[in-house]
Amino acid sequence: MHKLIWILWPAFIVGGVAETVFFTVLDPQDLQMIGLVQGWGRTAVYSTGFFAFWMLAAASSALTCFLQRTADEINQCPLSPLQRPEGCPKRDDPQATCSASHRQ
């Protein structure tokens, strides 16, 4: 839940700023004239634009959270010490990492 807040809250702010800047330059009626949002009202275009910018910013924040994981978090052995194979040198250490050859 904590990481979800780290992702969605900054993305919400960036989505609002991006929408403000985008629709300061472009009017929703300009988008209708070029055929992108035929028959949509201004509120629908503003709302869709905000959610699109919010989701784009959320994807960026989620990628940042994914890439900031440490090597220990990535390489942590998924098996409990008792489930590790007999020859595994890390069988007695619950905090150890296993190489790919020891995974089942």
PDB file of N, CA and C in Angstrom:
ATOM      1  N   MET A   1       0.827  -1.191   0.000  1.00  0.00           N
ATOM      2  CA  MET A   1       0.000   0.000   0.000  1.00  0.00           C
ATOM      3  C   MET A   1       0.875   1.259   0.000  1.00  0.00           C
ATOM      4  N   HIS A   2       1.994   1.174   0.711  1.00  0.00           N
ATOM      5  CA  HIS A   2       2.903   2.310   0.792  1.00  0.00           C
ATOM      6  C   HIS A   2       3.458   2.674  -0.592  1.00  0.00           C
ATOM      7  N   LYS A   3       3.891   1.659  -1.336  1.00  0.00           N
ATOM      8  CA  LYS A   3       4.442   1.924  -2.676  1.00  0.00           C
ATOM      9  C   LYS A   3       3.373   2.444  -3.622  1.00  0.00           C
ATOM     10  N   LEU A   4       2.136   1.969  -3.450  1.00  0.00           N
ATOM     11  CA  LEU A   4       1.045   2.453  -4.290  1.00  0.00           C
ATOM     12  C   LEU A   4       0.840   3.952  -4.085  1.00  0.00           C
ATOM     13  N   ILE A   5       0.947   4.404  -2.845  1.00  0.00           N
ATOM     14  CA  ILE A   5       0.838   5.840  -2.549  1.00  0.00           C
ATOM     15  C   ILE A   5       2.022   6.586  -3.160  1.00  0.00           C
ATOM     16  N   TRP A   6       3.214   5.998  -3.074  1.00  0.00           N
ATOM     17  CA  TRP A   6       4.395   6.622  -3.679  1.00  0.00           C
ATOM     18  C   TRP A   6       4.245   6.762  -5.188  1.00  0.00           C
ATOM     19  N   ILE A   7       3.507   5.866  -5.800  1.00  0.00           N
ATOM     20  CA  ILE A   7       3.325   5.900  -7.249  1.00  0.00           C
ATOM     21  C   ILE A   7       2.191   6.846  -7.650  1.00  0.00           C
ATOM     22  N   LEU A   8       1.020   6.692  -7.020  1.00  0.00           N
ATOM     23  CA  LEU A   8      -0.169   7.399  -7.494  1.00  0.00           C
ATOM     24  C   LEU A   8      -0.239   8.869  -7.084  1.00  0.00           C
ATOM     25  N   TRP A   9       0.259   9.229  -5.897  1.00  0.00           N
ATOM     26  CA  TRP A   9       0.139  10.618  -5.473  1.00  0.00           C
ATOM     27  C   TRP A   9       0.988  11.565  -6.326  1.00  0.00           C
ATOM     28  N   PRO A  10       2.286  11.305  -6.513  1.00  0.00           N
ATOM     29  CA  PRO A  10       3.050  12.192  -7.412  1.00  0.00           C
ATOM     30  C   PRO A  10       2.504  12.172  -8.843  1.00  0.00           C
ATOM     31  N   ALA A  11       2.024  11.005  -9.289  1.00  0.00           N
ATOM     32  CA  ALA A  11       1.463  10.921 -10.638  1.00  0.00           C
ATOM     33  C   ALA A  11       0.203  11.774 -10.763  1.00  0.00           C
ATOM     34  N   PHE A  12      -0.591  11.850  -9.703  1.00  0.00           N
ATOM     35  CA  PHE A  12      -1.787  12.695  -9.693  1.00  0.00           C
ATOM     36  C   PHE A  12      -1.409  14.159  -9.879  1.00  0.00           C
ATOM     37  N   ILE A  13      -0.395  14.590  -9.158  1.00  0.00           N
ATOM     38  CA  ILE A  13       0.063  15.986  -9.252  1.00  0.00           C
ATOM     39  C   ILE A  13       0.617  16.266 -10.654  1.00  0.00           C
ATOM     40  N   VAL A  14       1.442  15.362 -11.164  1.00  0.00           N
ATOM     41  CA  VAL A  14       2.017  15.543 -12.501  1.00  0.00           C
ATOM     42  C   VAL A  14       0.918  15.509 -13.561  1.00  0.00           C
ATOM     43  N   GLY A  15      -0.070  14.629 -13.388  1.00  0.00           N
ATOM     44  CA  GLY A  15      -1.189  14.577 -14.328  1.00  0.00           C
ATOM     45  C   GLY A  15      -1.956  15.889 -14.371  1.00  0.00           C
ATOM     46  N   GLY A  16      -2.185  16.494 -13.198  1.00  0.00           N
ATOM     47  CA  GLY A  16      -2.868  17.790 -13.143  1.00  0.00           C
ATOM     48  C   GLY A  16      -2.072  18.899 -13.798  1.00  0.00           C
ATOM     49  N   VAL A  17      -0.766  18.914 -13.543  1.00  0.00           N
ATOM     50  CA  VAL A  17       0.087  19.939 -14.153  1.00  0.00           C
ATOM     51  C   VAL A  17       0.166  19.739 -15.666  1.00  0.00           C
ATOM     52  N   ALA A  18       0.320  18.487 -16.102  1.00  0.00           N
ATOM     53  CA  ALA A  18       0.409  18.207 -17.537  1.00  0.00           C
ATOM     54  C   ALA A  18      -0.885  18.591 -18.253  1.00  0.00           C
ATOM     55  N   GLU A  19      -2.023  18.278 -17.624  1.00  0.00           N
ATOM     56  CA  GLU A  19      -3.298  18.653 -18.241  1.00  0.00           C
ATOM     57  C   GLU A  19      -3.433  20.166 -18.335  1.00  0.00           C
ATOM     58  N   THR A  20      -3.044  20.868 -17.289  1.00  0.00           N
ATOM     59  CA  THR A  20      -3.131  22.329 -17.291  1.00  0.00           C
ATOM     60  C   THR A  20      -2.281  22.922 -18.417  1.00  0.00           C
ATOM     61  N   VAL A  21      -1.050  22.433 -18.533  1.00  0.00           N
ATOM     62  CA  VAL A  21      -0.163  22.950 -19.578  1.00  0.00           C
ATOM     63  C   VAL A  21      -0.692  22.578 -20.965  1.00  0.00           C
ATOM     64  N   PHE A  22      -1.115  21.321 -21.143  1.00  0.00           N
ATOM     65  CA  PHE A  22      -1.594  20.858 -22.452  1.00  0.00           C
ATOM     66  C   PHE A  22      -2.824  21.634 -22.896  1.00  0.00           C
ATOM     67  N   PHE A  23      -3.800  21.795 -21.997  1.00  0.00           N
ATOM     68  CA  PHE A  23      -5.032  22.468 -22.392  1.00  0.00           C
ATOM     69  C   PHE A  23      -4.931  23.992 -22.309  1.00  0.00           C
ATOM     70  N   THR A  24      -3.816  24.506 -21.834  1.00  0.00           N
ATOM     71  CA  THR A  24      -3.554  25.931 -21.972  1.00  0.00           C
ATOM     72  C   THR A  24      -3.150  26.231 -23.415  1.00  0.00           C
ATOM     73  N   VAL A  25      -2.440  25.295 -24.014  1.00  0.00           N
ATOM     74  CA  VAL A  25      -1.986  25.451 -25.392  1.00  0.00           C
ATOM     75  C   VAL A  25      -3.069  25.047 -26.389  1.00  0.00           C
ATOM     76  N   LEU A  26      -3.783  23.964 -26.103  1.00  0.00           N
ATOM     77  CA  LEU A  26      -4.802  23.436 -27.019  1.00  0.00           C
ATOM     78  C   LEU A  26      -6.186  23.521 -26.385  1.00  0.00           C
ATOM     79  N   ASP A  27      -7.140  23.943 -27.181  1.00  0.00           N
ATOM     80  CA  ASP A  27      -8.534  23.977 -26.759  1.00  0.00           C
ATOM     81  C   ASP A  27      -9.191  22.663 -27.187  1.00  0.00           C
ATOM     82  N   PRO A  28     -10.065  22.080 -26.349  1.00  0.00           N
ATOM     83  CA  PRO A  28     -10.742  20.842 -26.758  1.00  0.00           C
ATOM     84  C   PRO A  28     -11.465  20.955 -28.102  1.00  0.00           C
ATOM     85  N   GLN A  29     -11.947  22.136 -28.454  1.00  0.00           N
ATOM     86  CA  GLN A  29     -12.604  22.291 -29.755  1.00  0.00           C
ATOM     87  C   GLN A  29     -11.603  22.170 -30.898  1.00  0.00           C
ATOM     88  N   ASP A  30     -10.338  22.529 -30.659  1.00  0.00           N
ATOM     89  CA  ASP A  30      -9.303  22.335 -31.675  1.00  0.00           C
ATOM     90  C   ASP A  30      -9.105  20.847 -31.961  1.00  0.00           C
ATOM     91  N   LEU A  31      -9.206  20.021 -30.935  1.00  0.00           N
ATOM     92  CA  LEU A  31      -9.073  18.580 -31.124  1.00  0.00           C
ATOM     93  C   LEU A  31     -10.269  18.019 -31.889  1.00  0.00           C
ATOM     94  N   GLN A  32     -11.435  18.619 -31.706  1.00  0.00           N
ATOM     95  CA  GLN A  32     -12.622  18.173 -32.438  1.00  0.00           C
ATOM     96  C   GLN A  32     -12.510  18.521 -33.917  1.00  0.00           C
ATOM     97  N   MET A  33     -11.899  19.647 -34.228  1.00  0.00           N
ATOM     98  CA  MET A  33     -11.781  20.062 -35.626  1.00  0.00           C
ATOM     99  C   MET A  33     -10.867  19.136 -36.421  1.00  0.00           C
ATOM    100  N   ILE A  34      -9.889  18.521 -35.773  1.00  0.00           N
ATOM    101  CA  ILE A  34      -9.003  17.612 -36.506  1.00  0.00           C
ATOM    102  C   ILE A  34      -9.479  16.161 -36.409  1.00  0.00           C
ATOM    103  N   GLY A  35     -10.636  15.937 -35.777  1.00  0.00           N
ATOM    104  CA  GLY A  35     -11.264  14.624 -35.798  1.00  0.00           C
ATOM    105  C   GLY A  35     -10.866  13.670 -34.698  1.00  0.00           C
ATOM    106  N   LEU A  36     -10.180  14.128 -33.678  1.00  0.00           N
ATOM    107  CA  LEU A  36      -9.748  13.216 -32.621  1.00  0.00           C
ATOM    108  C   LEU A  36     -10.861  12.845 -31.647  1.00  0.00           C
ATOM    109  N   VAL A  37     -11.678  13.786 -31.263  1.00  0.00           N
ATOM    110  CA  VAL A  37     -12.712  13.536 -30.252  1.00  0.00           C
ATOM    111  C   VAL A  37     -14.057  14.042 -30.753  1.00  0.00           C
ATOM    112  N   GLN A  38     -14.541  13.457 -31.819  1.00  0.00           N
ATOM    113  CA  GLN A  38     -15.793  13.896 -32.426  1.00  0.00           C
ATOM    114  C   GLN A  38     -16.970  13.677 -31.478  1.00  0.00           C
ATOM    115  N   GLY A  39     -17.744  14.727 -31.237  1.00  0.00           N
ATOM    116  CA  GLY A  39     -18.948  14.628 -30.428  1.00  0.00           C
ATOM    117  C   GLY A  39     -18.734  14.634 -28.928  1.00  0.00           C
ATOM    118  N   TRP A  40     -17.531  14.807 -28.472  1.00  0.00           N
ATOM    119  CA  TRP A  40     -17.260  14.848 -27.032  1.00  0.00           C
ATOM    120  C   TRP A  40     -17.439  16.274 -26.535  1.00  0.00           C
ATOM    121  N   GLY A  41     -17.919  16.426 -25.329  1.00  0.00           N
ATOM    122  CA  GLY A  41     -17.992  17.741 -24.702  1.00  0.00           C
ATOM    123  C   GLY A  41     -16.649  18.125 -24.105  1.00  0.00           C
ATOM    124  N   ARG A  42     -16.531  19.393 -23.732  1.00  0.00           N
ATOM    125  CA  ARG A  42     -15.275  19.866 -23.144  1.00  0.00           C
ATOM    126  C   ARG A  42     -14.913  19.110 -21.874  1.00  0.00           C
ATOM    127  N   THR A  43     -15.904  18.870 -21.021  1.00  0.00           N
ATOM    128  CA  THR A  43     -15.638  18.177 -19.754  1.00  0.00           C
ATOM    129  C   THR A  43     -15.126  16.768 -20.000  1.00  0.00           C
ATOM    130  N   ALA A  44     -15.681  16.075 -20.982  1.00  0.00           N
ATOM    131  CA  ALA A  44     -15.229  14.724 -21.313  1.00  0.00           C
ATOM    132  C   ALA A  44     -13.786  14.729 -21.812  1.00  0.00           C
ATOM    133  N   VAL A  45     -13.441  15.723 -22.621  1.00  0.00           N
ATOM    134  CA  VAL A  45     -12.072  15.819 -23.137  1.00  0.00           C
ATOM    135  C   VAL A  45     -11.102  16.148 -22.007  1.00  0.00           C
ATOM    136  N   TYR A  46     -11.478  17.091 -21.140  1.00  0.00           N
ATOM    137  CA  TYR A  46     -10.626  17.430 -19.997  1.00  0.00           C
ATOM    138  C   TYR A  46     -10.426  16.217 -19.075  1.00  0.00           C
ATOM    139  N   SER A  47     -11.507  15.503 -18.798  1.00  0.00           N
ATOM    140  CA  SER A  47     -11.428  14.342 -17.904  1.00  0.00           C
ATOM    141  C   SER A  47     -10.574  13.234 -18.504  1.00  0.00           C
ATOM    142  N   THR A  48     -10.807  12.935 -19.776  1.00  0.00           N
ATOM    143  CA  THR A  48     -10.022  11.893 -20.443  1.00  0.00           C
ATOM    144  C   THR A  48      -8.548  12.288 -20.516  1.00  0.00           C
ATOM    145  N   GLY A  49      -8.289  13.544 -20.810  1.00  0.00           N
ATOM    146  CA  GLY A  49      -6.902  14.024 -20.850  1.00  0.00           C
ATOM    147  C   GLY A  49      -6.226  13.898 -19.506  1.00  0.00           C
ATOM    148  N   PHE A  50      -6.934  14.272 -18.437  1.00  0.00           N
ATOM    149  CA  PHE A  50      -6.345  14.161 -17.103  1.00  0.00           C
ATOM    150  C   PHE A  50      -6.002  12.713 -16.775  1.00  0.00           C
ATOM    151  N   PHE A  51      -6.952  11.786 -17.012  1.00  0.00           N
ATOM    152  CA  PHE A  51      -6.686  10.388 -16.680  1.00  0.00           C
ATOM    153  C   PHE A  51      -5.581   9.801 -17.546  1.00  0.00           C
ATOM    154  N   ALA A  52      -5.486  10.227 -18.792  1.00  0.00           N
ATOM    155  CA  ALA A  52      -4.397   9.756 -19.652  1.00  0.00           C
ATOM    156  C   ALA A  52      -3.044  10.248 -19.128  1.00  0.00           C
ATOM    157  N   PHE A  53      -2.965  11.526 -18.769  1.00  0.00           N
ATOM    158  CA  PHE A  53      -1.716  12.054 -18.209  1.00  0.00           C
ATOM    159  C   PHE A  53      -1.393  11.412 -16.859  1.00  0.00           C
ATOM    160  N   TRP A  54      -2.422  11.157 -16.054  1.00  0.00           N
ATOM    161  CA  TRP A  54      -2.214  10.530 -14.744  1.00  0.00           C
ATOM    162  C   TRP A  54      -1.665   9.109 -14.916  1.00  0.00           C
ATOM    163  N   MET A  55      -2.232   8.350 -15.825  1.00  0.00           N
ATOM    164  CA  MET A  55      -1.769   6.974 -16.043  1.00  0.00           C
ATOM    165  C   MET A  55      -0.358   6.952 -16.621  1.00  0.00           C
ATOM    166  N   LEU A  56      -0.038   7.894 -17.487  1.00  0.00           N
ATOM    167  CA  LEU A  56       1.312   7.974 -18.033  1.00  0.00           C
ATOM    168  C   LEU A  56       2.323   8.287 -16.926  1.00  0.00           C
ATOM    169  N   ALA A  57       1.983   9.223 -16.071  1.00  0.00           N
ATOM    170  CA  ALA A  57       2.870   9.562 -14.954  1.00  0.00           C
ATOM    171  C   ALA A  57       2.953   8.410 -13.956  1.00  0.00           C
ATOM    172  N   ALA A  58       1.854   7.688 -13.732  1.00  0.00           N
ATOM    173  CA  ALA A  58       1.871   6.539 -12.822  1.00  0.00           C
ATOM    174  C   ALA A  58       2.768   5.434 -13.370  1.00  0.00           C
ATOM    175  N   ALA A  59       2.727   5.223 -14.675  1.00  0.00           N
ATOM    176  CA  ALA A  59       3.607   4.220 -15.289  1.00  0.00           C
ATOM    177  C   ALA A  59       5.066   4.607 -15.101  1.00  0.00           C
ATOM    178  N   SER A  60       5.369   5.881 -15.231  1.00  0.00           N
ATOM    179  CA  SER A  60       6.735   6.350 -15.019  1.00  0.00           C
ATOM    180  C   SER A  60       7.171   6.156 -13.571  1.00  0.00           C
ATOM    181  N   SER A  61       6.298   6.489 -12.627  1.00  0.00           N
ATOM    182  CA  SER A  61       6.623   6.314 -11.209  1.00  0.00           C
ATOM    183  C   SER A  61       6.767   4.838 -10.851  1.00  0.00           C
ATOM    184  N   ALA A  62       5.918   3.984 -11.419  1.00  0.00           N
ATOM    185  CA  ALA A  62       6.004   2.543 -11.152  1.00  0.00           C
ATOM    186  C   ALA A  62       7.316   1.975 -11.693  1.00  0.00           C
ATOM    187  N   LEU A  63       7.738   2.435 -12.856  1.00  0.00           N
ATOM    188  CA  LEU A  63       9.008   1.987 -13.411  1.00  0.00           C
ATOM    189  C   LEU A  63      10.164   2.426 -12.523  1.00  0.00           C
ATOM    190  N   THR A  64      10.085   3.623 -11.984  1.00  0.00           N
ATOM    191  CA  THR A  64      11.122   4.099 -11.071  1.00  0.00           C
ATOM    192  C   THR A  64      11.191   3.230  -9.821  1.00  0.00           C
ATOM    193  N   CYS A  65      10.030   2.901  -9.234  1.00  0.00           N
ATOM    194  CA  CYS A  65      10.007   2.023  -8.052  1.00  0.00           C
ATOM    195  C   CYS A  65      10.559   0.638  -8.381  1.00  0.00           C
ATOM    196  N   PHE A  66      10.236   0.138  -9.566  1.00  0.00           N
ATOM    197  CA  PHE A  66      10.734  -1.171  -9.974  1.00  0.00           C
ATOM    198  C   PHE A  66      12.252  -1.156 -10.126  1.00  0.00           C
ATOM    199  N   LEU A  67      12.790  -0.103 -10.713  1.00  0.00           N
ATOM    200  CA  LEU A  67      14.228  -0.047 -10.978  1.00  0.00           C
ATOM    201  C   LEU A  67      15.066   0.318  -9.759  1.00  0.00           C
ATOM    202  N   GLN A  68      14.465   0.803  -8.683  1.00  0.00           N
ATOM    203  CA  GLN A  68      15.255   1.181  -7.517  1.00  0.00           C
ATOM    204  C   GLN A  68      15.443   0.034  -6.527  1.00  0.00           C
ATOM    205  N   ARG A  69      14.963  -1.167  -6.875  1.00  0.00           N
ATOM    206  CA  ARG A  69      15.162  -2.308  -5.986  1.00  0.00           C
ATOM    207  C   ARG A  69      16.649  -2.636  -5.877  1.00  0.00           C
ATOM    208  N   THR A  70      17.048  -3.092  -4.698  1.00  0.00           N
ATOM    209  CA  THR A  70      18.450  -3.436  -4.477  1.00  0.00           C
ATOM    210  C   THR A  70      18.730  -4.831  -5.023  1.00  0.00           C
ATOM    211  N   ALA A  71      20.005  -5.153  -5.160  1.00  0.00           N
ATOM    212  CA  ALA A  71      20.395  -6.471  -5.646  1.00  0.00           C
ATOM    213  C   ALA A  71      19.920  -7.561  -4.687  1.00  0.00           C
ATOM    214  N   ASP A  72      19.947  -7.296  -3.391  1.00  0.00           N
ATOM    215  CA  ASP A  72      19.482  -8.290  -2.418  1.00  0.00           C
ATOM    216  C   ASP A  72      17.989  -8.567  -2.572  1.00  0.00           C
ATOM    217  N   GLU A  73      17.189  -7.536  -2.866  1.00  0.00           N
ATOM    218  CA  GLU A  73      15.759  -7.750  -3.070  1.00  0.00           C
ATOM    219  C   GLU A  73      15.493  -8.580  -4.326  1.00  0.00           C
ATOM    220  N   ILE A  74      16.283  -8.353  -5.350  1.00  0.00           N
ATOM    221  CA  ILE A  74      16.093  -9.068  -6.608  1.00  0.00           C
ATOM    222  C   ILE A  74      16.584 -10.508  -6.495  1.00  0.00           C
ATOM    223  N   ASN A  75      17.706 -10.714  -5.824  1.00  0.00           N
ATOM    224  CA  ASN A  75      18.343 -12.028  -5.786  1.00  0.00           C
ATOM    225  C   ASN A  75      17.969 -12.869  -4.572  1.00  0.00           C
ATOM    226  N   GLN A  76      17.060 -12.397  -3.756  1.00  0.00           N
ATOM    227  CA  GLN A  76      16.647 -13.164  -2.580  1.00  0.00           C
ATOM    228  C   GLN A  76      16.090 -14.511  -3.028  1.00  0.00           C
ATOM    229  N   CYS A  77      16.546 -15.578  -2.411  1.00  0.00           N
ATOM    230  CA  CYS A  77      16.092 -16.919  -2.785  1.00  0.00           C
ATOM    231  C   CYS A  77      14.614 -17.069  -2.447  1.00  0.00           C
ATOM    232  N   PRO A  78      13.788 -17.482  -3.410  1.00  0.00           N
ATOM    233  CA  PRO A  78      12.357 -17.614  -3.151  1.00  0.00           C
ATOM    234  C   PRO A  78      12.004 -18.823  -2.299  1.00  0.00           C
ATOM    235  N   LEU A  79      12.961 -19.730  -2.116  1.00  0.00           N
ATOM    236  CA  LEU A  79      12.697 -20.937  -1.338  1.00  0.00           C
ATOM    237  C   LEU A  79      13.041 -20.722   0.127  1.00  0.00           C
ATOM    238  N   SER A  80      12.244 -21.297   0.998  1.00  0.00           N
ATOM    239  CA  SER A  80      12.592 -21.243   2.424  1.00  0.00           C
ATOM    240  C   SER A  80      13.806 -22.142   2.642  1.00  0.00           C
ATOM    241  N   PRO A  81      14.571 -21.930   3.737  1.00  0.00           N
ATOM    242  CA  PRO A  81      15.792 -22.727   3.935  1.00  0.00           C
ATOM    243  C   PRO A  81      15.552 -24.242   3.897  1.00  0.00           C
ATOM    244  N   LEU A  82      14.417 -24.700   4.393  1.00  0.00           N
ATOM    245  CA  LEU A  82      14.158 -26.139   4.400  1.00  0.00           C
ATOM    246  C   LEU A  82      13.771 -26.681   3.028  1.00  0.00           C
ATOM    247  N   GLN A  83      13.309 -25.816   2.126  1.00  0.00           N
ATOM    248  CA  GLN A  83      12.928 -26.252   0.782  1.00  0.00           C
ATOM    249  C   GLN A  83      14.097 -26.230  -0.191  1.00  0.00           C
ATOM    250  N   ARG A  84      15.206 -25.657   0.200  1.00  0.00           N
ATOM    251  CA  ARG A  84      16.365 -25.592  -0.682  1.00  0.00           C
ATOM    252  C   ARG A  84      16.955 -26.984  -0.880  1.00  0.00           C
ATOM    253  N   PRO A  85      17.529 -27.248  -2.046  1.00  0.00           N
ATOM    254  CA  PRO A  85      18.081 -28.584  -2.316  1.00  0.00           C
ATOM    255  C   PRO A  85      19.174 -28.960  -1.323  1.00  0.00           C
ATOM    256  N   GLU A  86      19.398 -30.255  -1.186  1.00  0.00           N
ATOM    257  CA  GLU A  86      20.370 -30.769  -0.215  1.00  0.00           C
ATOM    258  C   GLU A  86      21.761 -30.183  -0.400  1.00  0.00           C
ATOM    259  N   GLY A  87      22.222 -30.016  -1.617  1.00  0.00           N
ATOM    260  CA  GLY A  87      23.583 -29.530  -1.863  1.00  0.00           C
ATOM    261  C   GLY A  87      23.731 -28.021  -1.814  1.00  0.00           C
ATOM    262  N   CYS A  88      22.660 -27.299  -1.570  1.00  0.00           N
ATOM    263  CA  CYS A  88      22.704 -25.833  -1.600  1.00  0.00           C
ATOM    264  C   CYS A  88      23.551 -25.315  -0.438  1.00  0.00           C
ATOM    265  N   PRO A  89      24.598 -24.531  -0.738  1.00  0.00           N
ATOM    266  CA  PRO A  89      25.454 -24.029   0.344  1.00  0.00           C
ATOM    267  C   PRO A  89      24.747 -22.997   1.236  1.00  0.00           C
ATOM    268  N   LYS A  90      23.624 -22.494   0.807  1.00  0.00           N
ATOM    269  CA  LYS A  90      22.901 -21.471   1.563  1.00  0.00           C
ATOM    270  C   LYS A  90      21.704 -22.057   2.327  1.00  0.00           C
ATOM    271  N   ARG A  91      21.624 -23.354   2.441  1.00  0.00           N
ATOM    272  CA  ARG A  91      20.466 -24.000   3.051  1.00  0.00           C
ATOM    273  C   ARG A  91      20.251 -23.594   4.505  1.00  0.00           C
ATOM    274  N   ASP A  92      21.306 -23.346   5.248  1.00  0.00           N
ATOM    275  CA  ASP A  92      21.184 -23.021   6.670  1.00  0.00           C
ATOM    276  C   ASP A  92      21.075 -21.529   6.950  1.00  0.00           C
ATOM    277  N   ASP A  93      21.173 -20.704   5.908  1.00  0.00           N
ATOM    278  CA  ASP A  93      21.123 -19.249   6.088  1.00  0.00           C
ATOM    279  C   ASP A  93      19.814 -18.707   5.511  1.00  0.00           C
ATOM    280  N   PRO A  94      18.838 -18.282   6.351  1.00  0.00           N
ATOM    281  CA  PRO A  94      17.544 -17.812   5.841  1.00  0.00           C
ATOM    282  C   PRO A  94      17.620 -16.510   5.044  1.00  0.00           C
ATOM    283  N   GLN A  95      18.662 -15.720   5.214  1.00  0.00           N
ATOM    284  CA  GLN A  95      18.817 -14.462   4.498  1.00  0.00           C
ATOM    285  C   GLN A  95      19.662 -14.598   3.233  1.00  0.00           C
ATOM    286  N   ALA A  96      20.086 -15.789   2.915  1.00  0.00           N
ATOM    287  CA  ALA A  96      21.010 -15.995   1.798  1.00  0.00           C
ATOM    288  C   ALA A  96      20.299 -15.912   0.455  1.00  0.00           C
ATOM    289  N   THR A  97      21.110 -15.668  -0.551  1.00  0.00           N
ATOM    290  CA  THR A  97      20.596 -15.693  -1.919  1.00  0.00           C
ATOM    291  C   THR A  97      21.071 -16.956  -2.578  1.00  0.00           C
ATOM    292  N   CYS A  98      20.292 -17.491  -3.469  1.00  0.00           N
ATOM    293  CA  CYS A  98      20.644 -18.698  -4.203  1.00  0.00           C
ATOM    294  C   CYS A  98      20.936 -18.335  -5.643  1.00  0.00           C
ATOM    295  N   SER A  99      21.871 -18.999  -6.237  1.00  0.00           N
ATOM    296  CA  SER A  99      22.106 -18.783  -7.655  1.00  0.00           C
ATOM    297  C   SER A  99      21.012 -19.485  -8.447  1.00  0.00           C
ATOM    298  N   ALA A 100      20.901 -19.155  -9.710  1.00  0.00           N
ATOM    299  CA  ALA A 100      19.837 -19.724 -10.552  1.00  0.00           C
ATOM    300  C   ALA A 100      19.953 -21.245 -10.656  1.00  0.00           C
ATOM    301  N   SER A 101      21.163 -21.799 -10.533  1.00  0.00           N
ATOM    302  CA  SER A 101      21.348 -23.246 -10.663  1.00  0.00           C
ATOM    303  C   SER A 101      20.740 -24.007  -9.487  1.00  0.00           C
ATOM    304  N   HIS A 102      20.495 -23.344  -8.364  1.00  0.00           N
ATOM    305  CA  HIS A 102      19.947 -24.006  -7.180  1.00  0.00           C
ATOM    306  C   HIS A 102      18.436 -23.895  -7.089  1.00  0.00           C
ATOM    307  N   ARG A 103      17.793 -23.139  -7.965  1.00  0.00           N
ATOM    308  CA  ARG A 103      16.339 -22.970  -7.915  1.00  0.00           C
ATOM    309  C   ARG A 103      15.667 -24.163  -8.572  1.00  0.00           C
ATOM    310  N   GLN A 104      14.522 -24.523  -8.062  1.00  0.00           N
ATOM    311  CA  GLN A 104      13.790 -25.638  -8.642  1.00  0.00           C
ATOM    312  C   GLN A 104      12.675 -25.147  -9.503  1.00  0.00           C
TER     313      GLN A 104
END
